[in-house]
Amino acid sequence: MKNILTAALILIGVSAAAQKHNDTLLVKSTTICDMCEKTIETELIYEKGVQKVAVNLEDATVEVVYDSRKTTPAAIRTAISKLGYMADDVPADVAAWNKLPACCKNEGCGKPKH
């Protein structure tokens, strides 16, 4: 019985420790349409450490839940930039912006500063 109790406490401790590394980052972006939302949500999830991505078009933000042991806020902002969108103060990558759907570019979504 004592061994089962010890094992259960260890399992709870390991589980609690693992959850501590999940952080949430809210990034202001220039996303405005459903194509922007689809691009960011389907591509950013493949970045190392990213666990969940949600784009809010109403207030132009990207909420990212990530494992802080595997990535950083700066790396996440850079990844969004490399998709062609601005991420807080990180400008959009020009080559990536040029590949965005026309609806995004016509509306100025993520338009890089020249």
N, C-alpha and C. Protein backbone atom coordinates (compact mmCIF):
# COMPACT_ATOMS: atom_id res chain seq x y z
N MET A 1 0.83 -1.20 0.00
CA MET A 1 0.00 0.00 0.00
C MET A 1 0.87 1.25 0.00
N LYS A 2 1.94 1.21 0.79
CA LYS A 2 2.85 2.35 0.89
C LYS A 2 3.50 2.64 -0.46
N ASN A 3 3.85 1.59 -1.21
CA ASN A 3 4.47 1.76 -2.53
C ASN A 3 3.49 2.39 -3.52
N ILE A 4 2.23 2.00 -3.45
CA ILE A 4 1.22 2.57 -4.35
C ILE A 4 1.03 4.06 -4.05
N LEU A 5 0.97 4.40 -2.78
CA LEU A 5 0.81 5.79 -2.39
C LEU A 5 2.02 6.62 -2.83
N THR A 6 3.20 6.09 -2.65
CA THR A 6 4.42 6.78 -3.07
C THR A 6 4.42 6.99 -4.58
N ALA A 7 4.07 5.96 -5.33
CA ALA A 7 4.03 6.06 -6.80
C ALA A 7 3.00 7.10 -7.24
N ALA A 8 1.85 7.13 -6.59
CA ALA A 8 0.81 8.10 -6.93
C ALA A 8 1.30 9.53 -6.67
N LEU A 9 1.98 9.74 -5.55
CA LEU A 9 2.49 11.08 -5.24
C LEU A 9 3.57 11.51 -6.22
N ILE A 10 4.41 10.60 -6.64
CA ILE A 10 5.44 10.91 -7.64
C ILE A 10 4.78 11.27 -8.96
N LEU A 11 3.78 10.52 -9.36
CA LEU A 11 3.08 10.79 -10.61
C LEU A 11 2.41 12.16 -10.58
N ILE A 12 1.79 12.51 -9.48
CA ILE A 12 1.15 13.82 -9.34
C ILE A 12 2.21 14.92 -9.40
N GLY A 13 3.34 14.71 -8.75
CA GLY A 13 4.42 15.70 -8.76
C GLY A 13 5.00 15.92 -10.14
N VAL A 14 5.22 14.84 -10.87
CA VAL A 14 5.75 14.94 -12.24
C VAL A 14 4.75 15.64 -13.14
N SER A 15 3.49 15.32 -13.00
CA SER A 15 2.45 15.94 -13.81
C SER A 15 2.35 17.43 -13.52
N ALA A 16 2.41 17.81 -12.27
CA ALA A 16 2.35 19.22 -11.90
C ALA A 16 3.57 19.97 -12.40
N ALA A 17 4.73 19.35 -12.34
CA ALA A 17 5.96 20.00 -12.81
C ALA A 17 5.91 20.22 -14.33
N ALA A 18 5.37 19.26 -15.05
CA ALA A 18 5.28 19.38 -16.50
C ALA A 18 4.34 20.52 -16.90
N GLN A 19 3.29 20.74 -16.15
CA GLN A 19 2.33 21.79 -16.48
C GLN A 19 2.89 23.18 -16.24
N LYS A 20 3.87 23.34 -15.41
CA LYS A 20 4.45 24.64 -15.11
C LYS A 20 5.11 25.28 -16.32
N HIS A 21 5.51 24.48 -17.28
CA HIS A 21 6.25 25.00 -18.43
C HIS A 21 5.35 25.48 -19.56
N ASN A 22 4.04 25.38 -19.40
CA ASN A 22 3.12 25.88 -20.41
C ASN A 22 2.85 27.35 -20.15
N ASP A 23 3.20 28.17 -21.12
CA ASP A 23 2.98 29.60 -21.02
C ASP A 23 2.08 30.04 -22.16
N THR A 24 1.49 31.22 -22.00
CA THR A 24 0.65 31.78 -23.05
C THR A 24 1.22 33.13 -23.47
N LEU A 25 1.30 33.33 -24.77
CA LEU A 25 1.81 34.57 -25.34
C LEU A 25 0.71 35.18 -26.20
N LEU A 26 0.46 36.46 -26.01
CA LEU A 26 -0.51 37.18 -26.83
C LEU A 26 0.26 38.16 -27.71
N VAL A 27 0.20 37.95 -29.01
CA VAL A 27 0.96 38.74 -29.97
C VAL A 27 0.01 39.61 -30.78
N LYS A 28 0.29 40.89 -30.84
CA LYS A 28 -0.47 41.81 -31.68
C LYS A 28 0.03 41.64 -33.11
N SER A 29 -0.88 41.42 -34.03
CA SER A 29 -0.50 41.20 -35.41
C SER A 29 -1.37 42.06 -36.32
N THR A 30 -1.15 41.93 -37.61
CA THR A 30 -1.92 42.71 -38.58
C THR A 30 -2.87 41.81 -39.36
N THR A 31 -3.28 40.73 -38.78
CA THR A 31 -4.20 39.81 -39.43
C THR A 31 -5.60 40.42 -39.49
N ILE A 32 -6.27 40.20 -40.63
CA ILE A 32 -7.61 40.77 -40.76
C ILE A 32 -8.64 39.85 -41.41
N CYS A 33 -8.18 38.77 -42.05
CA CYS A 33 -9.16 37.95 -42.77
C CYS A 33 -9.03 36.48 -42.42
N ASP A 34 -9.97 35.69 -42.89
CA ASP A 34 -9.97 34.27 -42.57
C ASP A 34 -8.78 33.53 -43.18
N MET A 35 -8.22 34.04 -44.27
CA MET A 35 -7.02 33.43 -44.85
C MET A 35 -5.82 33.64 -43.93
N CYS A 36 -5.75 34.81 -43.32
CA CYS A 36 -4.69 35.08 -42.34
C CYS A 36 -4.81 34.09 -41.18
N GLU A 37 -6.01 33.97 -40.68
CA GLU A 37 -6.28 33.07 -39.56
C GLU A 37 -5.88 31.64 -39.90
N LYS A 38 -6.29 31.17 -41.06
CA LYS A 38 -5.99 29.81 -41.48
C LYS A 38 -4.49 29.60 -41.62
N THR A 39 -3.81 30.53 -42.25
CA THR A 39 -2.36 30.41 -42.45
C THR A 39 -1.63 30.32 -41.13
N ILE A 40 -1.91 31.23 -40.22
CA ILE A 40 -1.19 31.25 -38.95
C ILE A 40 -1.53 30.03 -38.11
N GLU A 41 -2.80 29.69 -38.00
CA GLU A 41 -3.19 28.57 -37.15
C GLU A 41 -2.69 27.23 -37.69
N THR A 42 -2.64 27.06 -39.00
CA THR A 42 -2.20 25.77 -39.55
C THR A 42 -0.68 25.66 -39.64
N GLU A 43 0.02 26.76 -39.77
CA GLU A 43 1.48 26.71 -39.92
C GLU A 43 2.23 26.86 -38.61
N LEU A 44 1.78 27.74 -37.73
CA LEU A 44 2.50 28.02 -36.50
C LEU A 44 2.50 26.82 -35.54
N ILE A 45 1.49 25.99 -35.64
CA ILE A 45 1.39 24.83 -34.75
C ILE A 45 2.55 23.86 -34.95
N TYR A 46 3.23 23.94 -36.09
CA TYR A 46 4.35 23.05 -36.37
C TYR A 46 5.68 23.55 -35.79
N GLU A 47 5.67 24.74 -35.23
CA GLU A 47 6.89 25.26 -34.61
C GLU A 47 7.18 24.49 -33.32
N LYS A 48 8.44 24.23 -33.09
CA LYS A 48 8.86 23.48 -31.90
C LYS A 48 8.35 24.17 -30.63
N GLY A 49 7.69 23.41 -29.79
CA GLY A 49 7.21 23.91 -28.51
C GLY A 49 5.82 24.53 -28.54
N VAL A 50 5.29 24.82 -29.72
CA VAL A 50 3.96 25.43 -29.82
C VAL A 50 2.91 24.34 -29.64
N GLN A 51 1.98 24.58 -28.72
CA GLN A 51 0.97 23.58 -28.40
C GLN A 51 -0.42 23.96 -28.89
N LYS A 52 -0.72 25.25 -28.95
CA LYS A 52 -2.04 25.70 -29.39
C LYS A 52 -1.92 27.10 -29.96
N VAL A 53 -2.67 27.36 -31.03
CA VAL A 53 -2.66 28.67 -31.67
C VAL A 53 -4.10 29.09 -31.93
N ALA A 54 -4.43 30.31 -31.57
CA ALA A 54 -5.76 30.85 -31.84
C ALA A 54 -5.63 32.30 -32.30
N VAL A 55 -6.15 32.58 -33.48
CA VAL A 55 -6.13 33.94 -34.03
C VAL A 55 -7.46 34.59 -33.73
N ASN A 56 -7.42 35.80 -33.21
CA ASN A 56 -8.63 36.58 -32.97
C ASN A 56 -8.60 37.75 -33.95
N LEU A 57 -9.42 37.66 -34.99
CA LEU A 57 -9.43 38.69 -36.03
C LEU A 57 -10.01 40.01 -35.53
N GLU A 58 -10.92 39.93 -34.58
CA GLU A 58 -11.57 41.14 -34.08
C GLU A 58 -10.57 42.12 -33.46
N ASP A 59 -9.63 41.60 -32.69
CA ASP A 59 -8.63 42.51 -32.10
C ASP A 59 -7.22 42.25 -32.64
N ALA A 60 -7.13 41.52 -33.76
CA ALA A 60 -5.86 41.28 -34.46
C ALA A 60 -4.76 40.77 -33.54
N THR A 61 -5.08 39.69 -32.83
CA THR A 61 -4.09 39.08 -31.95
C THR A 61 -3.95 37.59 -32.25
N VAL A 62 -2.79 37.07 -31.87
CA VAL A 62 -2.52 35.64 -31.99
C VAL A 62 -2.17 35.16 -30.59
N GLU A 63 -2.97 34.23 -30.07
CA GLU A 63 -2.71 33.66 -28.75
C GLU A 63 -2.01 32.32 -28.96
N VAL A 64 -0.84 32.18 -28.34
CA VAL A 64 -0.05 30.97 -28.50
C VAL A 64 0.23 30.35 -27.14
N VAL A 65 -0.14 29.09 -26.97
CA VAL A 65 0.23 28.33 -25.78
C VAL A 65 1.45 27.53 -26.18
N TYR A 66 2.52 27.64 -25.38
CA TYR A 66 3.77 27.01 -25.76
C TYR A 66 4.50 26.45 -24.54
N ASP A 67 5.43 25.56 -24.81
CA ASP A 67 6.27 24.96 -23.78
C ASP A 67 7.53 25.81 -23.68
N SER A 68 7.69 26.48 -22.55
CA SER A 68 8.81 27.41 -22.38
C SER A 68 10.16 26.71 -22.31
N ARG A 69 10.16 25.38 -22.21
CA ARG A 69 11.42 24.63 -22.25
C ARG A 69 11.89 24.44 -23.68
N LYS A 70 10.98 24.63 -24.65
CA LYS A 70 11.31 24.32 -26.04
C LYS A 70 11.36 25.53 -26.97
N THR A 71 10.76 26.64 -26.54
CA THR A 71 10.77 27.84 -27.40
C THR A 71 10.63 29.08 -26.53
N THR A 72 10.75 30.23 -27.18
CA THR A 72 10.69 31.51 -26.48
C THR A 72 9.70 32.43 -27.18
N PRO A 73 9.25 33.49 -26.49
CA PRO A 73 8.39 34.46 -27.16
C PRO A 73 9.05 35.08 -28.40
N ALA A 74 10.34 35.34 -28.34
CA ALA A 74 11.04 35.91 -29.50
C ALA A 74 11.02 34.95 -30.69
N ALA A 75 11.19 33.67 -30.43
CA ALA A 75 11.16 32.68 -31.52
C ALA A 75 9.76 32.58 -32.12
N ILE A 76 8.74 32.69 -31.30
CA ILE A 76 7.36 32.64 -31.80
C ILE A 76 7.07 33.86 -32.66
N ARG A 77 7.49 35.03 -32.20
CA ARG A 77 7.29 36.24 -33.00
C ARG A 77 8.01 36.14 -34.34
N THR A 78 9.22 35.60 -34.33
CA THR A 78 9.98 35.43 -35.57
C THR A 78 9.26 34.46 -36.50
N ALA A 79 8.70 33.39 -35.95
CA ALA A 79 7.97 32.41 -36.77
C ALA A 79 6.74 33.04 -37.43
N ILE A 80 6.03 33.88 -36.69
CA ILE A 80 4.87 34.59 -37.26
C ILE A 80 5.34 35.52 -38.37
N SER A 81 6.43 36.21 -38.13
CA SER A 81 7.00 37.11 -39.14
C SER A 81 7.37 36.36 -40.41
N LYS A 82 7.93 35.18 -40.26
CA LYS A 82 8.33 34.37 -41.41
C LYS A 82 7.14 33.81 -42.18
N LEU A 83 5.95 33.92 -41.60
CA LEU A 83 4.73 33.55 -42.32
C LEU A 83 4.19 34.72 -43.14
N GLY A 84 4.80 35.91 -42.94
CA GLY A 84 4.39 37.09 -43.72
C GLY A 84 3.57 38.10 -42.94
N TYR A 85 3.51 37.96 -41.63
CA TYR A 85 2.70 38.84 -40.80
C TYR A 85 3.57 39.54 -39.76
N MET A 86 3.16 40.74 -39.39
CA MET A 86 3.84 41.43 -38.31
C MET A 86 3.49 40.73 -37.00
N ALA A 87 4.45 40.77 -36.05
CA ALA A 87 4.25 40.16 -34.74
C ALA A 87 4.79 41.13 -33.70
N ASP A 88 3.88 41.86 -33.06
CA ASP A 88 4.26 42.94 -32.15
C ASP A 88 5.16 43.91 -32.92
N ASP A 89 6.40 44.07 -32.50
CA ASP A 89 7.28 45.02 -33.18
C ASP A 89 8.18 44.35 -34.23
N VAL A 90 7.98 43.06 -34.50
CA VAL A 90 8.77 42.34 -35.49
C VAL A 90 8.07 42.47 -36.85
N PRO A 91 8.73 43.09 -37.81
CA PRO A 91 8.09 43.28 -39.12
C PRO A 91 7.96 41.96 -39.89
N ALA A 92 7.01 41.94 -40.79
CA ALA A 92 6.80 40.76 -41.62
C ALA A 92 7.99 40.54 -42.55
N ASP A 93 8.32 39.28 -42.79
CA ASP A 93 9.35 38.92 -43.75
C ASP A 93 8.84 39.29 -45.15
N VAL A 94 9.62 40.05 -45.89
CA VAL A 94 9.18 40.56 -47.19
C VAL A 94 8.88 39.42 -48.17
N ALA A 95 9.76 38.44 -48.25
CA ALA A 95 9.54 37.32 -49.19
C ALA A 95 8.28 36.54 -48.82
N ALA A 96 8.07 36.32 -47.54
CA ALA A 96 6.86 35.60 -47.10
C ALA A 96 5.62 36.43 -47.37
N TRP A 97 5.70 37.74 -47.12
CA TRP A 97 4.56 38.60 -47.38
C TRP A 97 4.17 38.56 -48.85
N ASN A 98 5.16 38.51 -49.74
CA ASN A 98 4.88 38.46 -51.18
C ASN A 98 4.14 37.19 -51.59
N LYS A 99 4.23 36.13 -50.78
CA LYS A 99 3.56 34.86 -51.07
C LYS A 99 2.17 34.75 -50.45
N LEU A 100 1.77 35.75 -49.65
CA LEU A 100 0.45 35.71 -49.03
C LEU A 100 -0.65 35.77 -50.08
N PRO A 101 -1.83 35.26 -49.76
CA PRO A 101 -2.97 35.38 -50.68
C PRO A 101 -3.26 36.85 -50.98
N ALA A 102 -3.79 37.10 -52.15
CA ALA A 102 -4.06 38.47 -52.60
C ALA A 102 -4.95 39.23 -51.63
N CYS A 103 -5.91 38.55 -51.01
CA CYS A 103 -6.82 39.25 -50.10
C CYS A 103 -6.05 39.85 -48.92
N CYS A 104 -5.05 39.18 -48.48
CA CYS A 104 -4.25 39.69 -47.36
C CYS A 104 -3.41 40.89 -47.79
N LYS A 105 -2.77 40.78 -48.93
CA LYS A 105 -1.91 41.87 -49.41
C LYS A 105 -2.72 43.09 -49.84
N ASN A 106 -3.88 42.87 -50.44
CA ASN A 106 -4.70 44.00 -50.88
C ASN A 106 -5.21 44.82 -49.71
N GLU A 107 -5.44 44.16 -48.60
CA GLU A 107 -5.94 44.86 -47.42
C GLU A 107 -4.81 45.43 -46.57
N GLY A 108 -3.57 45.16 -46.96
CA GLY A 108 -2.44 45.65 -46.19
C GLY A 108 -2.09 44.77 -45.02
N CYS A 109 -2.65 43.60 -44.96
CA CYS A 109 -2.42 42.67 -43.84
C CYS A 109 -0.97 42.24 -43.79
N GLY A 110 -0.29 42.58 -42.72
CA GLY A 110 1.08 42.15 -42.55
C GLY A 110 2.08 42.85 -43.43
N LYS A 111 1.67 43.91 -44.09
CA LYS A 111 2.53 44.57 -45.05
C LYS A 111 3.85 45.01 -44.39
N PRO A 112 4.97 44.53 -44.93
CA PRO A 112 6.25 44.89 -44.33
C PRO A 112 6.61 46.33 -44.62
N LYS A 113 7.38 46.91 -43.70
CA LYS A 113 7.86 48.28 -43.91
C LYS A 113 9.10 48.23 -44.80
N HIS A 114 9.12 49.08 -45.80
CA HIS A 114 10.28 49.11 -46.72
C HIS A 114 11.25 50.17 -46.31
